[in-house]
Amino acid sequence: PILRDRADVAAYAAYRMPATFEAVHAALEAFAAAVPDWTPGGHIDVGGGTGAATWAVTATWPGDREITVLDWSEPALALGRELAAAHPSLKDARWQRARIGQDLALPATDLVTVSYVLNELTPADRTALVDTAAASAQAVVIVEAGTPAGYARVIEARDRLVAAGFRVAAPCPHSAACPIAPGEDWCHFSARVSRSSLHRKV
């Protein structure tokens, strides 16, 4: 979604952020179970907006780490910064405005998350972002909507990461070619979201 101002961002945070958090958290929990001895000492949240993936990383691996959230929307970053300010492990996170795409440069880090971002990019920008993440991180976590189009974007990113030398940890159990025939089905997973009565009214 295009988050243009404070009202857009507040609506997104109230309605979509809980679901985004749960989807990313489910993926991270599967990753942590597959690689139990690994903990990220640094995290870059690409296209992080209000920080749902950043909260999910902290919920999966509690403790302090170097955190940077990158997004083009200053209102989203501002609200994310406010929400994180009271959390001891998130209060020192850096919230930086950046254009996500071919011109993005990332420093070396342990973990890069790219959640619900690839769908907003051109094919060239998607390719560049995945390649940049692969060159910068020990682990890359991609989360997209559980639709045929989202699956296609994940498979495209997965293929590039495997070609770059990465091994798939989760939720897919292997790094070989996906056995699902294109157009016949798609791989996707559900994540339960606990909605409060207030959330259901939004």
C-alpha atoms as a PDB file:
ATOM      1  CA  PRO A   1       0.000   0.000   0.000  1.00  0.00           C
ATOM      2  CA  ILE A   2       1.035   3.596  -0.575  1.00  0.00           C
ATOM      3  CA  LEU A   3       1.493   5.198   2.841  1.00  0.00           C
ATOM      4  CA  ARG A   4       1.349   8.899   2.063  1.00  0.00           C
ATOM      5  CA  ASP A   5       0.606  10.509   5.408  1.00  0.00           C
ATOM      6  CA  ARG A   6      -0.007   9.931   9.092  1.00  0.00           C
ATOM      7  CA  ALA A   7      -3.629   8.872   8.532  1.00  0.00           C
ATOM      8  CA  ASP A   8      -2.634   6.223   5.971  1.00  0.00           C
ATOM      9  CA  VAL A   9       0.091   4.929   8.258  1.00  0.00           C
ATOM     10  CA  ALA A  10      -2.142   4.789  11.333  1.00  0.00           C
ATOM     11  CA  ALA A  11      -4.782   2.853   9.384  1.00  0.00           C
ATOM     12  CA  TYR A  12      -2.158   0.430   8.068  1.00  0.00           C
ATOM     13  CA  ALA A  13      -0.638  -0.098  11.511  1.00  0.00           C
ATOM     14  CA  ALA A  14      -4.043  -0.764  13.074  1.00  0.00           C
ATOM     15  CA  TYR A  15      -5.375  -3.094  10.388  1.00  0.00           C
ATOM     16  CA  ARG A  16      -2.519  -4.714   8.438  1.00  0.00           C
ATOM     17  CA  MET A  17       0.491  -4.631  10.760  1.00  0.00           C
ATOM     18  CA  PRO A  18      -0.767  -7.431  13.077  1.00  0.00           C
ATOM     19  CA  ALA A  19      -1.272  -9.798  10.129  1.00  0.00           C
ATOM     20  CA  THR A  20       2.101  -8.883   8.633  1.00  0.00           C
ATOM     21  CA  PHE A  21       3.761  -9.516  11.991  1.00  0.00           C
ATOM     22  CA  GLU A  22       2.140 -12.957  12.302  1.00  0.00           C
ATOM     23  CA  ALA A  23       3.081 -14.000   8.758  1.00  0.00           C
ATOM     24  CA  VAL A  24       6.705 -12.953   9.188  1.00  0.00           C
ATOM     25  CA  HIS A  25       6.862 -14.427  12.690  1.00  0.00           C
ATOM     26  CA  ALA A  26       5.594 -17.785  11.388  1.00  0.00           C
ATOM     27  CA  ALA A  27       8.308 -17.821   8.717  1.00  0.00           C
ATOM     28  CA  LEU A  28      10.990 -16.856  11.230  1.00  0.00           C
ATOM     29  CA  GLU A  29       9.866 -19.498  13.725  1.00  0.00           C
ATOM     30  CA  ALA A  30      10.160 -22.142  10.997  1.00  0.00           C
ATOM     31  CA  PHE A  31      13.630 -20.832  10.164  1.00  0.00           C
ATOM     32  CA  ALA A  32      14.698 -20.809  13.830  1.00  0.00           C
ATOM     33  CA  ALA A  33      13.482 -24.392  14.264  1.00  0.00           C
ATOM     34  CA  ALA A  34      15.453 -25.489  11.197  1.00  0.00           C
ATOM     35  CA  VAL A  35      18.648 -23.708  12.301  1.00  0.00           C
ATOM     36  CA  PRO A  36      18.423 -23.766  16.121  1.00  0.00           C
ATOM     37  CA  ASP A  37      22.021 -22.765  16.833  1.00  0.00           C
ATOM     38  CA  TRP A  38      21.889 -19.551  14.788  1.00  0.00           C
ATOM     39  CA  THR A  39      20.914 -16.117  16.121  1.00  0.00           C
ATOM     40  CA  PRO A  40      21.227 -12.902  14.115  1.00  0.00           C
ATOM     41  CA  GLY A  41      23.514 -10.292  15.598  1.00  0.00           C
ATOM     42  CA  GLY A  42      22.319  -7.733  13.072  1.00  0.00           C
ATOM     43  CA  HIS A  43      19.113  -7.244  11.079  1.00  0.00           C
ATOM     44  CA  ILE A  44      18.143  -5.047   8.140  1.00  0.00           C
ATOM     45  CA  ASP A  45      14.401  -4.779   7.473  1.00  0.00           C
ATOM     46  CA  VAL A  46      14.080  -3.782   3.804  1.00  0.00           C
ATOM     47  CA  GLY A  47      10.814  -2.019   3.047  1.00  0.00           C
ATOM     48  CA  GLY A  48      10.021  -2.359   6.725  1.00  0.00           C
ATOM     49  CA  GLY A  49       7.548   0.514   6.973  1.00  0.00           C
ATOM     50  CA  THR A  50       6.180   0.583  10.519  1.00  0.00           C
ATOM     51  CA  GLY A  51       8.428  -2.303  11.548  1.00  0.00           C
ATOM     52  CA  ALA A  52       6.279  -5.446  11.621  1.00  0.00           C
ATOM     53  CA  ALA A  53       9.185  -7.662  10.527  1.00  0.00           C
ATOM     54  CA  THR A  54      11.495  -5.983  13.020  1.00  0.00           C
ATOM     55  CA  TRP A  55       9.097  -6.828  15.848  1.00  0.00           C
ATOM     56  CA  ALA A  56       8.823 -10.385  14.501  1.00  0.00           C
ATOM     57  CA  VAL A  57      12.605 -10.839  14.516  1.00  0.00           C
ATOM     58  CA  THR A  58      12.787  -9.631  18.113  1.00  0.00           C
ATOM     59  CA  ALA A  59       9.942 -11.972  19.106  1.00  0.00           C
ATOM     60  CA  THR A  60      11.771 -14.905  17.498  1.00  0.00           C
ATOM     61  CA  TRP A  61      15.244 -14.088  18.823  1.00  0.00           C
ATOM     62  CA  PRO A  62      14.921 -11.902  21.940  1.00  0.00           C
ATOM     63  CA  GLY A  63      17.829  -9.671  22.823  1.00  0.00           C
ATOM     64  CA  ASP A  64      19.734  -6.697  21.529  1.00  0.00           C
ATOM     65  CA  ARG A  65      21.118  -6.456  18.003  1.00  0.00           C
ATOM     66  CA  GLU A  66      21.983  -3.834  15.439  1.00  0.00           C
ATOM     67  CA  ILE A  67      18.748  -3.030  13.587  1.00  0.00           C
ATOM     68  CA  THR A  68      18.113  -0.875  10.532  1.00  0.00           C
ATOM     69  CA  VAL A  69      14.673  -0.369   8.992  1.00  0.00           C
ATOM     70  CA  LEU A  70      14.611   0.972   5.429  1.00  0.00           C
ATOM     71  CA  ASP A  71      11.543   2.349   3.667  1.00  0.00           C
ATOM     72  CA  TRP A  72      10.670   5.121   1.240  1.00  0.00           C
ATOM     73  CA  SER A  73       7.730   6.357   3.375  1.00  0.00           C
ATOM     74  CA  GLU A  74       8.815   8.836   6.019  1.00  0.00           C
ATOM     75  CA  PRO A  75       5.391   8.762   7.771  1.00  0.00           C
ATOM     76  CA  ALA A  76       5.682   4.963   8.127  1.00  0.00           C
ATOM     77  CA  LEU A  77       9.203   5.235   9.495  1.00  0.00           C
ATOM     78  CA  ALA A  78       8.129   7.952  11.928  1.00  0.00           C
ATOM     79  CA  LEU A  79       5.324   5.834  13.377  1.00  0.00           C
ATOM     80  CA  GLY A  80       7.548   2.766  13.475  1.00  0.00           C
ATOM     81  CA  ARG A  81      10.142   4.734  15.409  1.00  0.00           C
ATOM     82  CA  GLU A  82       7.483   5.876  17.888  1.00  0.00           C
ATOM     83  CA  LEU A  83       6.133   2.349  18.402  1.00  0.00           C
ATOM     84  CA  ALA A  84       9.615   0.926  18.949  1.00  0.00           C
ATOM     85  CA  ALA A  85      10.834   3.647  21.302  1.00  0.00           C
ATOM     86  CA  ALA A  86       9.487   1.953  24.443  1.00  0.00           C
ATOM     87  CA  HIS A  87      10.897  -1.510  23.643  1.00  0.00           C
ATOM     88  CA  PRO A  88      14.347  -2.047  25.179  1.00  0.00           C
ATOM     89  CA  SER A  89      15.603  -4.106  22.223  1.00  0.00           C
ATOM     90  CA  LEU A  90      14.144  -1.817  19.545  1.00  0.00           C
ATOM     91  CA  LYS A  91      14.617   1.670  20.947  1.00  0.00           C
ATOM     92  CA  ASP A  92      18.034   2.101  19.313  1.00  0.00           C
ATOM     93  CA  ALA A  93      16.981   0.850  15.879  1.00  0.00           C
ATOM     94  CA  ARG A  94      17.831   3.111  12.945  1.00  0.00           C
ATOM     95  CA  TRP A  95      14.865   4.127  10.776  1.00  0.00           C
ATOM     96  CA  GLN A  96      16.145   5.365   7.423  1.00  0.00           C
ATOM     97  CA  ARG A  97      14.421   6.568   4.291  1.00  0.00           C
ATOM     98  CA  ALA A  98      15.637   4.753   1.185  1.00  0.00           C
ATOM     99  CA  ARG A  99      14.474   3.952  -2.312  1.00  0.00           C
ATOM    100  CA  ILE A 100      14.070   0.187  -2.497  1.00  0.00           C
ATOM    101  CA  GLY A 101      15.364  -1.089  -5.812  1.00  0.00           C
ATOM    102  CA  GLN A 102      18.363  -1.065  -8.111  1.00  0.00           C
ATOM    103  CA  ASP A 103      20.169   1.763  -6.329  1.00  0.00           C
ATOM    104  CA  LEU A 104      19.869   0.297  -2.827  1.00  0.00           C
ATOM    105  CA  ALA A 105      23.149  -0.511  -1.090  1.00  0.00           C
ATOM    106  CA  LEU A 106      23.213  -2.644   2.051  1.00  0.00           C
ATOM    107  CA  PRO A 107      26.062  -3.099   4.528  1.00  0.00           C
ATOM    108  CA  ALA A 108      27.078  -6.567   5.666  1.00  0.00           C
ATOM    109  CA  THR A 109      24.666  -8.005   8.236  1.00  0.00           C
ATOM    110  CA  ASP A 110      23.434 -11.340   9.555  1.00  0.00           C
ATOM    111  CA  LEU A 111      19.777 -11.175   8.510  1.00  0.00           C
ATOM    112  CA  VAL A 112      17.850  -9.307   5.828  1.00  0.00           C
ATOM    113  CA  THR A 113      14.052  -9.495   5.814  1.00  0.00           C
ATOM    114  CA  VAL A 114      12.034  -8.571   2.732  1.00  0.00           C
ATOM    115  CA  SER A 115       8.362  -8.830   3.642  1.00  0.00           C
ATOM    116  CA  TYR A 116       5.511  -7.792   1.350  1.00  0.00           C
ATOM    117  CA  VAL A 117       7.924  -5.690  -0.712  1.00  0.00           C
ATOM    118  CA  LEU A 118       8.622  -7.597  -3.933  1.00  0.00           C
ATOM    119  CA  ASN A 119       5.019  -7.079  -5.085  1.00  0.00           C
ATOM    120  CA  GLU A 120       5.596  -3.313  -5.032  1.00  0.00           C
ATOM    121  CA  LEU A 121       8.680  -3.410  -7.286  1.00  0.00           C
ATOM    122  CA  THR A 122       9.382  -3.669 -10.996  1.00  0.00           C
ATOM    123  CA  PRO A 123      10.968  -6.945 -12.160  1.00  0.00           C
ATOM    124  CA  ALA A 124      14.350  -5.215 -12.489  1.00  0.00           C
ATOM    125  CA  ASP A 125      14.108  -3.763  -8.982  1.00  0.00           C
ATOM    126  CA  ARG A 126      13.047  -7.149  -7.562  1.00  0.00           C
ATOM    127  CA  THR A 127      16.056  -8.852  -9.112  1.00  0.00           C
ATOM    128  CA  ALA A 128      18.418  -6.139  -7.896  1.00  0.00           C
ATOM    129  CA  LEU A 129      17.035  -6.239  -4.352  1.00  0.00           C
ATOM    130  CA  VAL A 130      17.351 -10.018  -4.036  1.00  0.00           C
ATOM    131  CA  ASP A 131      20.906  -9.914  -5.399  1.00  0.00           C
ATOM    132  CA  THR A 132      21.843  -7.088  -3.033  1.00  0.00           C
ATOM    133  CA  ALA A 133      20.389  -8.943  -0.041  1.00  0.00           C
ATOM    134  CA  ALA A 134      22.262 -12.099  -1.055  1.00  0.00           C
ATOM    135  CA  ALA A 135      25.536 -10.206  -1.238  1.00  0.00           C
ATOM    136  CA  SER A 136      25.015  -8.559   2.155  1.00  0.00           C
ATOM    137  CA  ALA A 137      23.520 -11.140   4.521  1.00  0.00           C
ATOM    138  CA  GLN A 138      24.120 -14.564   6.009  1.00  0.00           C
ATOM    139  CA  ALA A 139      20.373 -15.240   5.859  1.00  0.00           C
ATOM    140  CA  VAL A 140      17.576 -13.745   3.768  1.00  0.00           C
ATOM    141  CA  VAL A 141      13.899 -14.169   4.642  1.00  0.00           C
ATOM    142  CA  ILE A 142      11.337 -13.418   1.926  1.00  0.00           C
ATOM    143  CA  VAL A 143       7.625 -13.156   2.774  1.00  0.00           C
ATOM    144  CA  GLU A 144       4.915 -12.447   0.206  1.00  0.00           C
ATOM    145  CA  ALA A 145       1.151 -12.838   0.062  1.00  0.00           C
ATOM    146  CA  GLY A 146      -0.031 -16.451  -0.154  1.00  0.00           C
ATOM    147  CA  THR A 147      -1.390 -16.050  -3.678  1.00  0.00           C
ATOM    148  CA  PRO A 148      -0.257 -17.522  -7.008  1.00  0.00           C
ATOM    149  CA  ALA A 149       1.436 -14.218  -7.839  1.00  0.00           C
ATOM    150  CA  GLY A 150       3.103 -14.058  -4.421  1.00  0.00           C
ATOM    151  CA  TYR A 151       4.299 -17.639  -4.823  1.00  0.00           C
ATOM    152  CA  ALA A 152       5.791 -16.795  -8.229  1.00  0.00           C
ATOM    153  CA  ARG A 153       7.730 -13.891  -6.718  1.00  0.00           C
ATOM    154  CA  VAL A 154       9.018 -16.069  -3.874  1.00  0.00           C
ATOM    155  CA  ILE A 155      10.103 -18.814  -6.294  1.00  0.00           C
ATOM    156  CA  GLU A 156      11.920 -16.266  -8.443  1.00  0.00           C
ATOM    157  CA  ALA A 157      13.747 -14.914  -5.375  1.00  0.00           C
ATOM    158  CA  ARG A 158      14.402 -18.445  -4.072  1.00  0.00           C
ATOM    159  CA  ASP A 159      16.017 -19.464  -7.365  1.00  0.00           C
ATOM    160  CA  ARG A 160      18.304 -16.433  -7.305  1.00  0.00           C
ATOM    161  CA  LEU A 161      19.313 -17.032  -3.689  1.00  0.00           C
ATOM    162  CA  VAL A 162      20.074 -20.703  -4.331  1.00  0.00           C
ATOM    163  CA  ALA A 163      22.129 -19.711  -7.389  1.00  0.00           C
ATOM    164  CA  ALA A 164      24.042 -17.293  -5.142  1.00  0.00           C
ATOM    165  CA  GLY A 165      24.995 -20.155  -2.826  1.00  0.00           C
ATOM    166  CA  PHE A 166      22.234 -20.022  -0.219  1.00  0.00           C
ATOM    167  CA  ARG A 167      20.587 -23.140   1.206  1.00  0.00           C
ATOM    168  CA  VAL A 168      16.841 -23.107   1.793  1.00  0.00           C
ATOM    169  CA  ALA A 169      16.131 -23.583   5.516  1.00  0.00           C
ATOM    170  CA  ALA A 170      12.351 -23.207   5.805  1.00  0.00           C
ATOM    171  CA  PRO A 171       9.498 -23.586   5.292  1.00  0.00           C
ATOM    172  CA  CYS A 172      10.434 -25.414   2.073  1.00  0.00           C
ATOM    173  CA  PRO A 173      12.353 -28.568   3.106  1.00  0.00           C
ATOM    174  CA  HIS A 174      14.902 -28.538   0.264  1.00  0.00           C
ATOM    175  CA  SER A 175      16.927 -26.365  -2.108  1.00  0.00           C
ATOM    176  CA  ALA A 176      16.098 -28.332  -5.267  1.00  0.00           C
ATOM    177  CA  ALA A 177      13.710 -27.100  -7.939  1.00  0.00           C
ATOM    178  CA  CYS A 178      10.126 -26.707  -6.747  1.00  0.00           C
ATOM    179  CA  PRO A 179       8.123 -29.777  -7.861  1.00  0.00           C
ATOM    180  CA  ILE A 180       4.873 -27.818  -8.194  1.00  0.00           C
ATOM    181  CA  ALA A 181       3.925 -27.336 -11.847  1.00  0.00           C
ATOM    182  CA  PRO A 182       3.414 -23.635 -12.630  1.00  0.00           C
ATOM    183  CA  GLY A 183      -0.251 -22.779 -12.977  1.00  0.00           C
ATOM    184  CA  GLU A 184      -1.512 -25.981 -11.352  1.00  0.00           C
ATOM    185  CA  ASP A 185      -1.020 -25.086  -7.692  1.00  0.00           C
ATOM    186  CA  TRP A 186       1.093 -22.865  -5.472  1.00  0.00           C
ATOM    187  CA  CYS A 187       2.896 -23.258  -2.176  1.00  0.00           C
ATOM    188  CA  HIS A 188       1.510 -21.127   0.651  1.00  0.00           C
ATOM    189  CA  PHE A 189       1.027 -21.229   4.406  1.00  0.00           C
ATOM    190  CA  SER A 190      -1.468 -19.796   6.865  1.00  0.00           C
ATOM    191  CA  ALA A 191      -0.711 -17.681   9.919  1.00  0.00           C
ATOM    192  CA  ARG A 192      -3.268 -17.184  12.674  1.00  0.00           C
ATOM    193  CA  VAL A 193      -4.003 -13.601  13.689  1.00  0.00           C
ATOM    194  CA  SER A 194      -5.665 -12.907  17.033  1.00  0.00           C
ATOM    195  CA  ARG A 195      -7.993  -9.979  16.379  1.00  0.00           C
ATOM    196  CA  SER A 196      -9.253  -7.979  19.333  1.00  0.00           C
ATOM    197  CA  SER A 197     -12.762  -6.528  19.297  1.00  0.00           C
ATOM    198  CA  LEU A 198     -11.197  -3.146  18.526  1.00  0.00           C
ATOM    199  CA  HIS A 199      -9.198  -4.614  15.657  1.00  0.00           C
ATOM    200  CA  ARG A 200     -12.365  -6.148  14.180  1.00  0.00           C
ATOM    201  CA  LYS A 201     -14.004  -2.719  14.206  1.00  0.00           C
ATOM    202  CA  VAL A 202     -11.184  -1.044  12.271  1.00  0.00           C
END
